[in-house]
Amino acid sequence: MAIFRCSKCGCDDDTALCNYWSAHLQEQPLLCSVCDPKIGKWHGEFPRRHETPNAVSPSGIVRNLVGLTRLADAGRELAAANKKLSNFQS
């Protein structure tokens, strides 16, 4: 079972139970079955678990970056996260 982290809500989902591969090939955000407007519901194959996607911590930032397929998107997210961390630590 290949698991990925949803780029919108942060939950873990299986690549075979949603539109992961078509989104990946089209360099679109990687969405779980709930966040994907084409599906819109949890598949029920396993319990839905997710992290708080906007947590201000280094581990939260890394979780948010998982699922981004475009380097430019990841760079913008990382710059914003660094700014949040610098404000948080001050």
N, C-alpha and C. Protein backbone atom coordinates (compact mmCIF):
# COMPACT_ATOMS: atom_id res chain seq x y z
N MET A 1 0.85 -1.17 0.00
CA MET A 1 0.00 0.00 0.00
C MET A 1 0.90 1.24 0.00
N ALA A 2 0.81 2.05 -1.02
CA ALA A 2 1.60 3.27 -1.13
C ALA A 2 0.78 4.42 -0.55
N ILE A 3 1.32 5.04 0.50
CA ILE A 3 0.63 6.10 1.22
C ILE A 3 1.25 7.45 0.86
N PHE A 4 0.42 8.47 0.77
CA PHE A 4 0.90 9.84 0.57
C PHE A 4 0.13 10.74 1.52
N ARG A 5 0.64 11.95 1.73
CA ARG A 5 -0.02 12.93 2.59
C ARG A 5 -0.77 13.93 1.71
N CYS A 6 -2.04 14.14 1.98
CA CYS A 6 -2.88 15.08 1.23
C CYS A 6 -2.31 16.49 1.40
N SER A 7 -2.17 17.21 0.30
CA SER A 7 -1.60 18.56 0.37
C SER A 7 -2.60 19.59 0.90
N LYS A 8 -3.87 19.23 1.01
CA LYS A 8 -4.87 20.18 1.51
C LYS A 8 -5.15 19.97 3.00
N CYS A 9 -5.51 18.76 3.41
CA CYS A 9 -5.91 18.53 4.81
C CYS A 9 -4.84 17.82 5.64
N GLY A 10 -3.84 17.24 4.99
CA GLY A 10 -2.75 16.58 5.72
C GLY A 10 -3.02 15.14 6.10
N CYS A 11 -4.14 14.56 5.67
CA CYS A 11 -4.40 13.17 6.04
C CYS A 11 -3.60 12.23 5.15
N ASP A 12 -3.43 11.01 5.63
CA ASP A 12 -2.73 9.97 4.87
C ASP A 12 -3.75 9.21 4.05
N ASP A 13 -3.44 8.97 2.78
CA ASP A 13 -4.34 8.20 1.93
C ASP A 13 -3.51 7.28 1.04
N ASP A 14 -4.18 6.30 0.46
CA ASP A 14 -3.55 5.33 -0.41
C ASP A 14 -3.60 5.85 -1.84
N THR A 15 -2.50 5.73 -2.56
CA THR A 15 -2.44 6.24 -3.94
C THR A 15 -3.43 5.55 -4.87
N ALA A 16 -3.82 4.32 -4.54
CA ALA A 16 -4.73 3.56 -5.41
C ALA A 16 -6.20 3.88 -5.16
N LEU A 17 -6.52 4.61 -4.08
CA LEU A 17 -7.92 4.82 -3.71
C LEU A 17 -8.41 6.23 -4.01
N CYS A 18 -7.65 6.97 -4.79
CA CYS A 18 -8.02 8.34 -5.15
C CYS A 18 -7.41 8.66 -6.50
N ASN A 19 -7.37 9.92 -6.85
CA ASN A 19 -6.82 10.33 -8.15
C ASN A 19 -5.36 10.78 -8.05
N TYR A 20 -4.60 10.13 -7.17
CA TYR A 20 -3.20 10.51 -6.93
C TYR A 20 -2.38 10.53 -8.22
N TRP A 21 -2.41 9.45 -8.98
CA TRP A 21 -1.50 9.33 -10.12
C TRP A 21 -1.83 10.32 -11.23
N SER A 22 -3.09 10.55 -11.50
CA SER A 22 -3.41 11.54 -12.54
C SER A 22 -3.01 12.94 -12.08
N ALA A 23 -3.22 13.25 -10.80
CA ALA A 23 -2.79 14.56 -10.28
C ALA A 23 -1.27 14.68 -10.31
N HIS A 24 -0.59 13.62 -9.95
CA HIS A 24 0.88 13.63 -9.95
C HIS A 24 1.42 13.88 -11.36
N LEU A 25 0.88 13.19 -12.34
CA LEU A 25 1.34 13.34 -13.72
C LEU A 25 1.04 14.73 -14.28
N GLN A 26 -0.05 15.34 -13.83
CA GLN A 26 -0.42 16.67 -14.30
C GLN A 26 0.15 17.78 -13.43
N GLU A 27 1.01 17.41 -12.46
CA GLU A 27 1.63 18.35 -11.52
C GLU A 27 0.57 19.20 -10.81
N GLN A 28 -0.49 18.55 -10.35
CA GLN A 28 -1.55 19.18 -9.59
C GLN A 28 -1.35 18.85 -8.11
N PRO A 29 -2.03 19.54 -7.19
CA PRO A 29 -1.93 19.18 -5.77
C PRO A 29 -2.41 17.75 -5.56
N LEU A 30 -1.76 17.05 -4.66
CA LEU A 30 -2.11 15.66 -4.36
C LEU A 30 -3.15 15.65 -3.25
N LEU A 31 -4.38 15.26 -3.60
CA LEU A 31 -5.50 15.35 -2.69
C LEU A 31 -6.03 13.97 -2.30
N CYS A 32 -6.46 13.85 -1.05
CA CYS A 32 -7.09 12.61 -0.59
C CYS A 32 -8.48 12.51 -1.23
N SER A 33 -9.15 11.40 -1.00
CA SER A 33 -10.46 11.21 -1.61
C SER A 33 -11.50 12.21 -1.09
N VAL A 34 -11.35 12.69 0.16
CA VAL A 34 -12.30 13.67 0.71
C VAL A 34 -12.10 15.04 0.08
N CYS A 35 -10.86 15.48 -0.05
CA CYS A 35 -10.57 16.81 -0.58
C CYS A 35 -10.69 16.91 -2.09
N ASP A 36 -10.63 15.78 -2.78
CA ASP A 36 -10.75 15.78 -4.24
C ASP A 36 -12.20 16.02 -4.62
N PRO A 37 -12.51 17.13 -5.31
CA PRO A 37 -13.90 17.42 -5.66
C PRO A 37 -14.53 16.37 -6.59
N LYS A 38 -13.71 15.58 -7.29
CA LYS A 38 -14.25 14.54 -8.15
C LYS A 38 -14.76 13.34 -7.36
N ILE A 39 -14.26 13.18 -6.11
CA ILE A 39 -14.66 12.04 -5.28
C ILE A 39 -15.52 12.54 -4.12
N GLY A 40 -14.95 13.40 -3.27
CA GLY A 40 -15.70 14.07 -2.22
C GLY A 40 -16.11 13.25 -1.01
N LYS A 41 -15.61 12.03 -0.84
CA LYS A 41 -15.95 11.25 0.35
C LYS A 41 -14.82 10.27 0.66
N TRP A 42 -14.73 9.88 1.92
CA TRP A 42 -13.71 8.93 2.34
C TRP A 42 -14.11 7.54 1.88
N HIS A 43 -13.15 6.77 1.42
CA HIS A 43 -13.40 5.45 0.86
C HIS A 43 -13.73 4.39 1.90
N GLY A 44 -13.30 4.57 3.15
CA GLY A 44 -13.61 3.62 4.21
C GLY A 44 -12.74 2.37 4.26
N GLU A 45 -11.70 2.32 3.45
CA GLU A 45 -10.82 1.14 3.46
C GLU A 45 -9.97 1.07 4.72
N PHE A 46 -9.70 2.20 5.34
CA PHE A 46 -9.00 2.28 6.62
C PHE A 46 -9.40 3.60 7.27
N PRO A 47 -9.20 3.72 8.60
CA PRO A 47 -9.61 4.95 9.28
C PRO A 47 -8.84 6.17 8.77
N ARG A 48 -9.52 7.29 8.70
CA ARG A 48 -8.89 8.52 8.24
C ARG A 48 -8.13 9.15 9.40
N ARG A 49 -6.84 9.37 9.19
CA ARG A 49 -5.99 10.04 10.18
C ARG A 49 -5.35 11.22 9.50
N HIS A 50 -5.29 12.33 10.21
CA HIS A 50 -4.61 13.49 9.62
C HIS A 50 -4.00 14.35 10.71
N GLU A 51 -3.03 15.10 10.28
CA GLU A 51 -2.32 16.04 11.14
C GLU A 51 -2.90 17.42 10.89
N THR A 52 -2.67 18.34 11.81
CA THR A 52 -3.07 19.72 11.60
C THR A 52 -2.17 20.30 10.52
N PRO A 53 -2.71 20.64 9.35
CA PRO A 53 -1.86 21.05 8.24
C PRO A 53 -1.15 22.38 8.43
N ASN A 54 -1.65 23.25 9.30
CA ASN A 54 -1.03 24.56 9.45
C ASN A 54 -0.26 24.71 10.75
N ALA A 55 0.20 23.61 11.30
CA ALA A 55 0.96 23.67 12.54
C ALA A 55 2.25 24.45 12.32
N VAL A 56 2.60 25.32 13.26
CA VAL A 56 3.82 26.10 13.14
C VAL A 56 4.91 25.38 13.92
N SER A 57 5.55 24.47 13.29
CA SER A 57 6.68 23.75 13.85
C SER A 57 7.44 23.15 12.68
N PRO A 58 8.72 22.84 12.86
CA PRO A 58 9.46 22.28 11.73
C PRO A 58 8.81 21.01 11.18
N SER A 59 8.32 20.13 12.06
CA SER A 59 7.72 18.90 11.56
C SER A 59 6.41 19.19 10.83
N GLY A 60 5.64 20.19 11.28
CA GLY A 60 4.42 20.58 10.59
C GLY A 60 4.71 21.14 9.22
N ILE A 61 5.78 21.89 9.12
CA ILE A 61 6.17 22.48 7.83
C ILE A 61 6.55 21.38 6.84
N VAL A 62 7.31 20.41 7.30
CA VAL A 62 7.69 19.30 6.42
C VAL A 62 6.45 18.55 5.97
N ARG A 63 5.49 18.32 6.87
CA ARG A 63 4.26 17.63 6.48
C ARG A 63 3.51 18.42 5.42
N ASN A 64 3.51 19.75 5.51
CA ASN A 64 2.83 20.57 4.52
C ASN A 64 3.50 20.49 3.16
N LEU A 65 4.80 20.32 3.12
CA LEU A 65 5.53 20.28 1.85
C LEU A 65 5.34 18.95 1.13
N VAL A 66 5.01 17.90 1.86
CA VAL A 66 4.79 16.60 1.24
C VAL A 66 3.57 16.72 0.34
N GLY A 67 3.67 16.25 -0.86
CA GLY A 67 2.55 16.33 -1.78
C GLY A 67 2.67 17.43 -2.81
N LEU A 68 3.56 18.39 -2.57
CA LEU A 68 3.77 19.42 -3.59
C LEU A 68 4.63 18.84 -4.69
N THR A 69 4.20 18.96 -5.91
CA THR A 69 4.94 18.37 -7.01
C THR A 69 5.76 19.38 -7.79
N ARG A 70 5.45 20.64 -7.67
CA ARG A 70 6.20 21.66 -8.40
C ARG A 70 7.23 22.28 -7.48
N LEU A 71 8.44 22.37 -7.93
CA LEU A 71 9.52 22.92 -7.13
C LEU A 71 9.23 24.37 -6.74
N ALA A 72 8.66 25.14 -7.65
CA ALA A 72 8.34 26.54 -7.35
C ALA A 72 7.32 26.63 -6.22
N ASP A 73 6.31 25.75 -6.22
CA ASP A 73 5.31 25.73 -5.15
C ASP A 73 5.97 25.39 -3.82
N ALA A 74 6.83 24.39 -3.84
CA ALA A 74 7.52 23.99 -2.61
C ALA A 74 8.39 25.13 -2.10
N GLY A 75 9.05 25.85 -2.99
CA GLY A 75 9.90 26.98 -2.59
C GLY A 75 9.10 28.09 -1.94
N ARG A 76 7.95 28.42 -2.51
CA ARG A 76 7.09 29.45 -1.92
C ARG A 76 6.58 29.01 -0.56
N GLU A 77 6.18 27.76 -0.43
CA GLU A 77 5.69 27.24 0.86
C GLU A 77 6.80 27.27 1.90
N LEU A 78 8.00 26.90 1.50
CA LEU A 78 9.13 26.88 2.43
C LEU A 78 9.49 28.30 2.88
N ALA A 79 9.46 29.26 1.96
CA ALA A 79 9.75 30.65 2.33
C ALA A 79 8.71 31.18 3.31
N ALA A 80 7.45 30.88 3.08
CA ALA A 80 6.39 31.30 4.00
C ALA A 80 6.54 30.63 5.36
N ALA A 81 6.91 29.36 5.36
CA ALA A 81 7.10 28.63 6.61
C ALA A 81 8.28 29.20 7.39
N ASN A 82 9.35 29.54 6.70
CA ASN A 82 10.51 30.14 7.37
C ASN A 82 10.14 31.47 8.01
N LYS A 83 9.32 32.25 7.32
CA LYS A 83 8.87 33.53 7.86
C LYS A 83 8.02 33.31 9.11
N LYS A 84 7.11 32.32 9.07
CA LYS A 84 6.29 32.00 10.24
C LYS A 84 7.15 31.57 11.41
N LEU A 85 8.15 30.74 11.13
CA LEU A 85 9.03 30.25 12.20
C LEU A 85 9.82 31.38 12.81
N SER A 86 10.30 32.32 11.99
CA SER A 86 11.09 33.43 12.53
C SER A 86 10.21 34.31 13.41
N ASN A 87 8.96 34.51 13.04
CA ASN A 87 8.02 35.28 13.86
C ASN A 87 7.66 34.54 15.13
N PHE A 88 7.55 33.23 15.03
CA PHE A 88 7.19 32.40 16.16
C PHE A 88 8.30 32.36 17.21
N GLN A 89 9.56 32.34 16.75
CA GLN A 89 10.69 32.22 17.65
C GLN A 89 11.06 33.56 18.27
N SER A 90 10.60 34.66 17.71
CA SER A 90 10.95 35.99 18.23
C SER A 90 10.22 36.32 19.50
